[in-house]
Each structure stands twice: as structure tokens, then as C-alpha cells.
Amino acid sequence: MHCYLDNDQAGTVAAHTIMDCYQNRAINESIRYAEYKDVNDYLIGRKSIIPHKEDV
């Protein structure tokens, strides 16, 4: 299962929950668009306004 969740707190919590339930059958794909709010913003090329952990 490939998970394309939002790069916000809710998406992170959901990804961890899914990974815990499905272990090595689930892949968190949000790393592919980490600079964006979500996969839609990535696809249209709109940068995120979410600060990176290293910037905080």
C-alpha cells in the first residue's frame, strides 16, 4: 500500500498509524513531496508554506 498523505500533523499521525497496522506492506510516499503541503500542490508545482523542521 502506497500512502500519499498530507505533510501536516494529521497526515503524519495517519501515516504512523497505517505503518503500525500494516508494517512492511505500507510505504509512506509523502517523502517524495516533502517540500509541499500535499501531493496536489506537488503536482501543480506550488511550494508549501509549511516550515521545515530544520528552519524552526
Protein backbone atom coordinates (compact mmCIF):
# COMPACT_ATOMS: atom_id res chain seq x y z
CA MET A 1 0.00 0.00 0.00
CA HIS A 2 1.42 3.38 -1.02
CA CYS A 3 0.29 6.28 1.19
CA TYR A 4 0.22 9.79 -0.29
CA LEU A 5 -0.90 11.76 2.75
CA ASP A 6 -0.60 15.47 3.57
CA ASN A 7 2.61 16.82 5.08
CA ASP A 8 0.91 18.15 8.19
CA GLN A 9 0.35 16.79 11.67
CA ALA A 10 -2.79 14.86 10.72
CA GLY A 11 -1.04 13.27 7.73
CA THR A 12 1.95 12.31 9.85
CA VAL A 13 -0.24 10.74 12.53
CA ALA A 14 -2.25 8.86 9.89
CA ALA A 15 0.94 7.63 8.20
CA HIS A 16 2.32 6.34 11.51
CA THR A 17 -0.97 4.62 12.32
CA ILE A 18 -1.08 2.93 8.91
CA MET A 19 2.59 1.93 9.12
CA ASP A 20 1.97 0.41 12.58
CA CYS A 21 -1.04 -1.57 11.32
CA TYR A 22 0.40 -2.77 8.01
CA GLN A 23 4.16 -2.72 8.81
CA ASN A 24 6.18 -3.64 5.73
CA ARG A 25 3.11 -3.69 3.46
CA ALA A 26 2.71 0.11 3.63
CA ILE A 27 5.01 2.77 2.20
CA ASN A 28 4.84 6.42 3.22
CA GLU A 29 5.32 8.25 -0.08
CA SER A 30 5.00 11.77 1.37
CA ILE A 31 8.81 11.99 1.48
CA ARG A 32 8.64 12.40 -2.31
CA TYR A 33 6.90 15.76 -1.94
CA ALA A 34 8.24 16.85 1.46
CA GLU A 35 8.61 20.48 0.34
CA TYR A 36 4.90 20.68 -0.45
CA LYS A 37 1.74 20.68 1.65
CA ASP A 38 0.29 17.71 -0.17
CA VAL A 39 0.58 15.67 -3.35
CA ASN A 40 -1.78 18.02 -5.22
CA ASP A 41 0.46 21.04 -4.53
CA TYR A 42 3.41 18.94 -5.69
CA LEU A 43 1.66 18.05 -8.94
CA ILE A 44 0.82 21.68 -9.73
CA GLY A 45 4.22 22.89 -8.53
CA ARG A 46 3.02 25.16 -5.72
CA LYS A 47 5.56 25.34 -2.90
CA SER A 48 4.48 24.80 0.67
CA ILE A 49 4.24 27.41 3.38
CA ILE A 50 4.94 24.72 5.98
CA PRO A 51 8.27 25.48 7.69
CA HIS A 52 10.81 22.68 7.60
CA LYS A 53 11.87 21.16 10.92
CA GLU A 54 15.42 22.47 10.47
CA ASP A 55 14.06 26.02 9.89
CA VAL A 56 12.10 26.10 13.15
